[in-house]
C-alpha cells in the first residue's frame, strides 16, 4: 500500500500561480495559432483560386475553430501529470 504523508498532500495542493498562468496562457496561444493558420491558409487558397465567395477561408476557419476547441478541451481535462 502506498499511503501519502500529510506533507506530500499539502505540497500537491500548493501549486505555483506562475505555473498555472503559464499552462493556460500557452494553451491560449496554441489555440490562437491553430485558428490563424486555418484563416490565413484559407485566404491563401482563395487568393490563388479567385472564387467569387471566399469558401476556403470560411470553411477552414470554422474547421480550425472546431479543432482548436477540441484541442483545448483535451488539454484542460487531461490528468495533471506534473
N, C-alpha and C. Protein backbone atom coordinates (compact mmCIF):
# COMPACT_ATOMS: atom_id res chain seq x y z
N UNK A 1 0.82 -1.17 0.00
CA UNK A 1 0.00 0.00 0.00
C UNK A 1 0.87 1.24 0.00
N UNK A 2 0.51 2.19 -0.83
CA UNK A 2 1.30 3.39 -0.96
C UNK A 2 0.52 4.58 -0.41
N UNK A 3 0.68 4.85 0.89
CA UNK A 3 -0.03 5.96 1.53
C UNK A 3 0.83 7.21 1.47
N UNK A 4 0.16 8.33 1.27
CA UNK A 4 0.89 9.60 1.19
C UNK A 4 0.93 10.26 2.57
N UNK A 5 2.02 10.94 2.81
CA UNK A 5 2.18 11.67 4.05
C UNK A 5 1.40 12.99 3.95
N UNK A 6 0.99 13.55 5.07
CA UNK A 6 0.27 14.84 5.02
C UNK A 6 1.09 15.95 4.37
N UNK A 7 2.41 15.91 4.54
CA UNK A 7 3.26 16.93 3.91
C UNK A 7 3.20 16.85 2.39
N UNK A 8 3.15 15.62 1.87
CA UNK A 8 3.08 15.43 0.42
C UNK A 8 1.75 15.93 -0.13
N UNK A 9 0.68 15.70 0.61
CA UNK A 9 -0.63 16.16 0.17
C UNK A 9 -0.67 17.68 0.14
N UNK A 10 -0.07 18.33 1.15
CA UNK A 10 -0.02 19.79 1.16
C UNK A 10 0.78 20.33 -0.01
N UNK A 11 1.88 19.67 -0.36
CA UNK A 11 2.69 20.12 -1.49
C UNK A 11 1.91 20.00 -2.81
N UNK A 12 1.12 18.95 -2.95
CA UNK A 12 0.34 18.77 -4.17
C UNK A 12 -0.74 19.84 -4.30
N UNK A 13 -1.32 20.24 -3.17
CA UNK A 13 -2.37 21.25 -3.21
C UNK A 13 -1.82 22.63 -3.52
N UNK A 14 -0.61 22.92 -3.06
CA UNK A 14 0.00 24.22 -3.27
C UNK A 14 0.78 24.20 -4.58
N UNK A 15 0.16 24.66 -5.63
CA UNK A 15 0.86 24.77 -6.89
C UNK A 15 1.17 26.23 -7.15
N UNK A 16 2.22 26.46 -7.84
CA UNK A 16 2.66 27.82 -8.11
C UNK A 16 1.66 28.53 -9.02
N UNK A 17 1.26 29.76 -8.68
CA UNK A 17 0.36 30.51 -9.57
C UNK A 17 1.00 30.77 -10.92
N UNK A 18 2.31 30.92 -10.93
CA UNK A 18 3.01 31.15 -12.19
C UNK A 18 2.87 29.95 -13.12
N UNK A 19 2.97 28.76 -12.56
CA UNK A 19 2.79 27.54 -13.36
C UNK A 19 1.37 27.46 -13.91
N UNK A 20 0.40 27.83 -13.09
CA UNK A 20 -1.00 27.85 -13.50
C UNK A 20 -1.21 28.79 -14.69
N UNK A 21 -0.70 30.02 -14.58
CA UNK A 21 -0.86 31.00 -15.65
C UNK A 21 -0.09 30.61 -16.90
N UNK A 22 1.08 30.04 -16.73
CA UNK A 22 1.88 29.62 -17.88
C UNK A 22 1.17 28.52 -18.67
N UNK A 23 0.55 27.59 -17.95
CA UNK A 23 -0.14 26.48 -18.61
C UNK A 23 -1.30 26.99 -19.47
N UNK A 24 -2.12 27.85 -18.90
CA UNK A 24 -3.31 28.29 -19.62
C UNK A 24 -3.01 29.38 -20.64
N UNK A 25 -2.00 30.19 -20.42
CA UNK A 25 -1.66 31.17 -21.44
C UNK A 25 -1.02 30.49 -22.65
N UNK A 26 -0.23 29.45 -22.42
CA UNK A 26 0.35 28.73 -23.56
C UNK A 26 -0.75 28.00 -24.34
N UNK A 27 -1.73 27.47 -23.63
CA UNK A 27 -2.86 26.83 -24.29
C UNK A 27 -3.62 27.84 -25.15
N UNK A 28 -3.80 29.05 -24.63
CA UNK A 28 -4.48 30.11 -25.38
C UNK A 28 -3.73 30.44 -26.66
N UNK A 29 -2.41 30.61 -26.56
CA UNK A 29 -1.62 30.95 -27.74
C UNK A 29 -1.63 29.81 -28.77
N UNK A 30 -1.64 28.58 -28.31
CA UNK A 30 -1.70 27.46 -29.23
C UNK A 30 -3.03 27.42 -29.97
N UNK A 31 -4.11 27.70 -29.26
CA UNK A 31 -5.42 27.72 -29.90
C UNK A 31 -5.53 28.86 -30.90
N UNK A 32 -4.99 30.02 -30.55
CA UNK A 32 -4.99 31.16 -31.48
C UNK A 32 -4.18 30.83 -32.72
N UNK A 33 -3.05 30.16 -32.55
CA UNK A 33 -2.21 29.79 -33.69
C UNK A 33 -2.95 28.84 -34.63
N UNK A 34 -3.70 27.89 -34.09
CA UNK A 34 -4.46 26.95 -34.92
C UNK A 34 -5.51 27.70 -35.73
N UNK A 35 -6.22 28.61 -35.08
CA UNK A 35 -7.28 29.36 -35.76
C UNK A 35 -6.69 30.27 -36.83
N UNK A 36 -5.59 30.96 -36.53
CA UNK A 36 -4.97 31.84 -37.52
C UNK A 36 -4.41 31.05 -38.70
N UNK A 37 -3.88 29.87 -38.43
CA UNK A 37 -3.37 29.04 -39.53
C UNK A 37 -4.51 28.66 -40.47
N UNK A 38 -5.66 28.32 -39.92
CA UNK A 38 -6.81 27.99 -40.76
C UNK A 38 -7.30 29.19 -41.55
N UNK A 39 -7.38 30.34 -40.91
CA UNK A 39 -7.87 31.55 -41.59
C UNK A 39 -6.93 32.00 -42.70
N UNK A 40 -5.63 32.09 -42.39
CA UNK A 40 -4.69 32.54 -43.42
C UNK A 40 -4.46 31.50 -44.49
N UNK A 41 -4.54 30.23 -44.12
CA UNK A 41 -4.46 29.18 -45.13
C UNK A 41 -5.62 29.25 -46.10
N UNK A 42 -6.81 29.48 -45.57
CA UNK A 42 -7.99 29.63 -46.42
C UNK A 42 -7.90 30.85 -47.32
N UNK A 43 -7.38 31.94 -46.78
CA UNK A 43 -7.20 33.16 -47.60
C UNK A 43 -6.22 32.92 -48.73
N UNK A 44 -5.14 32.19 -48.43
CA UNK A 44 -4.13 31.92 -49.46
C UNK A 44 -4.72 31.05 -50.58
N UNK A 45 -5.49 30.05 -50.21
CA UNK A 45 -6.11 29.19 -51.23
C UNK A 45 -7.13 29.99 -52.04
N UNK A 46 -7.94 30.82 -51.39
CA UNK A 46 -8.92 31.63 -52.10
C UNK A 46 -8.26 32.65 -53.02
N UNK A 47 -7.12 33.17 -52.63
CA UNK A 47 -6.41 34.14 -53.48
C UNK A 47 -5.91 33.48 -54.76
N UNK A 48 -5.50 32.22 -54.66
CA UNK A 48 -5.00 31.52 -55.85
C UNK A 48 -6.13 31.07 -56.77
N UNK A 49 -7.27 30.72 -56.18
CA UNK A 49 -8.36 30.18 -56.99
C UNK A 49 -9.32 31.26 -57.49
N UNK A 50 -9.29 32.42 -56.89
CA UNK A 50 -10.12 33.59 -57.25
C UNK A 50 -11.60 33.24 -57.44
N UNK A 51 -12.17 32.59 -56.44
CA UNK A 51 -13.62 32.37 -56.44
C UNK A 51 -14.32 33.66 -56.04
N UNK A 52 -15.59 33.75 -56.40
CA UNK A 52 -16.38 34.93 -56.05
C UNK A 52 -16.62 35.01 -54.55
N UNK A 53 -16.90 33.85 -53.93
CA UNK A 53 -17.13 33.79 -52.49
C UNK A 53 -15.93 33.10 -51.84
N UNK A 54 -15.40 33.62 -50.75
CA UNK A 54 -14.20 33.03 -50.12
C UNK A 54 -14.53 31.75 -49.33
N UNK A 55 -14.89 30.72 -50.03
CA UNK A 55 -15.37 29.49 -49.40
C UNK A 55 -14.29 28.80 -48.56
N UNK A 56 -13.05 28.78 -49.04
CA UNK A 56 -12.00 28.11 -48.30
C UNK A 56 -11.66 28.86 -47.01
N UNK A 57 -11.72 30.17 -47.04
CA UNK A 57 -11.49 30.95 -45.82
C UNK A 57 -12.54 30.62 -44.78
N UNK A 58 -13.79 30.58 -45.18
CA UNK A 58 -14.88 30.30 -44.25
C UNK A 58 -14.77 28.87 -43.71
N UNK A 59 -14.61 27.92 -44.60
CA UNK A 59 -14.59 26.52 -44.19
C UNK A 59 -13.37 26.21 -43.32
N UNK A 60 -12.20 26.65 -43.73
CA UNK A 60 -11.00 26.35 -42.95
C UNK A 60 -10.98 27.08 -41.62
N UNK A 61 -11.55 28.28 -41.56
CA UNK A 61 -11.61 28.99 -40.28
C UNK A 61 -12.54 28.27 -39.31
N UNK A 62 -13.70 27.86 -39.79
CA UNK A 62 -14.64 27.13 -38.94
C UNK A 62 -14.03 25.79 -38.51
N UNK A 63 -13.39 25.10 -39.41
CA UNK A 63 -12.73 23.84 -39.08
C UNK A 63 -11.62 24.06 -38.05
N UNK A 64 -10.86 25.14 -38.21
CA UNK A 64 -9.78 25.44 -37.27
C UNK A 64 -10.33 25.77 -35.88
N UNK A 65 -11.45 26.46 -35.81
CA UNK A 65 -12.07 26.76 -34.52
C UNK A 65 -12.52 25.46 -33.84
N UNK A 66 -13.09 24.56 -34.59
CA UNK A 66 -13.52 23.28 -34.04
C UNK A 66 -12.32 22.48 -33.53
N UNK A 67 -11.27 22.43 -34.34
CA UNK A 67 -10.06 21.70 -33.95
C UNK A 67 -9.42 22.33 -32.71
N UNK A 68 -9.35 23.66 -32.66
CA UNK A 68 -8.76 24.35 -31.52
C UNK A 68 -9.59 24.11 -30.26
N UNK A 69 -10.91 24.07 -30.40
CA UNK A 69 -11.77 23.82 -29.24
C UNK A 69 -11.57 22.40 -28.71
N UNK A 70 -11.52 21.43 -29.61
CA UNK A 70 -11.28 20.05 -29.20
C UNK A 70 -9.92 19.91 -28.54
N UNK A 71 -8.92 20.54 -29.12
CA UNK A 71 -7.57 20.50 -28.55
C UNK A 71 -7.55 21.14 -27.15
N UNK A 72 -8.20 22.27 -27.02
CA UNK A 72 -8.26 22.96 -25.74
C UNK A 72 -8.96 22.14 -24.68
N UNK A 73 -10.07 21.52 -25.04
CA UNK A 73 -10.80 20.69 -24.08
C UNK A 73 -9.98 19.47 -23.64
N UNK A 74 -9.28 18.86 -24.59
CA UNK A 74 -8.44 17.71 -24.23
C UNK A 74 -7.33 18.13 -23.28
N UNK A 75 -6.75 19.29 -23.49
CA UNK A 75 -5.69 19.75 -22.61
C UNK A 75 -6.22 20.16 -21.24
N UNK A 76 -7.40 20.74 -21.20
CA UNK A 76 -7.99 21.16 -19.93
C UNK A 76 -8.35 19.97 -19.06
N UNK A 77 -8.86 18.92 -19.66
CA UNK A 77 -9.32 17.78 -18.90
C UNK A 77 -8.29 16.67 -18.76
N UNK A 78 -7.09 16.92 -19.26
CA UNK A 78 -6.02 15.94 -19.13
C UNK A 78 -5.59 15.87 -17.67
N UNK A 79 -5.29 14.68 -17.23
CA UNK A 79 -4.82 14.50 -15.86
C UNK A 79 -3.52 15.26 -15.66
N UNK A 80 -3.37 15.85 -14.51
CA UNK A 80 -2.18 16.62 -14.20
C UNK A 80 -1.03 15.67 -13.93
N UNK A 81 -0.14 15.54 -14.90
CA UNK A 81 0.96 14.59 -14.79
C UNK A 81 2.22 15.24 -14.20
N UNK A 82 2.20 16.55 -13.99
CA UNK A 82 3.37 17.24 -13.47
C UNK A 82 3.29 17.40 -11.98
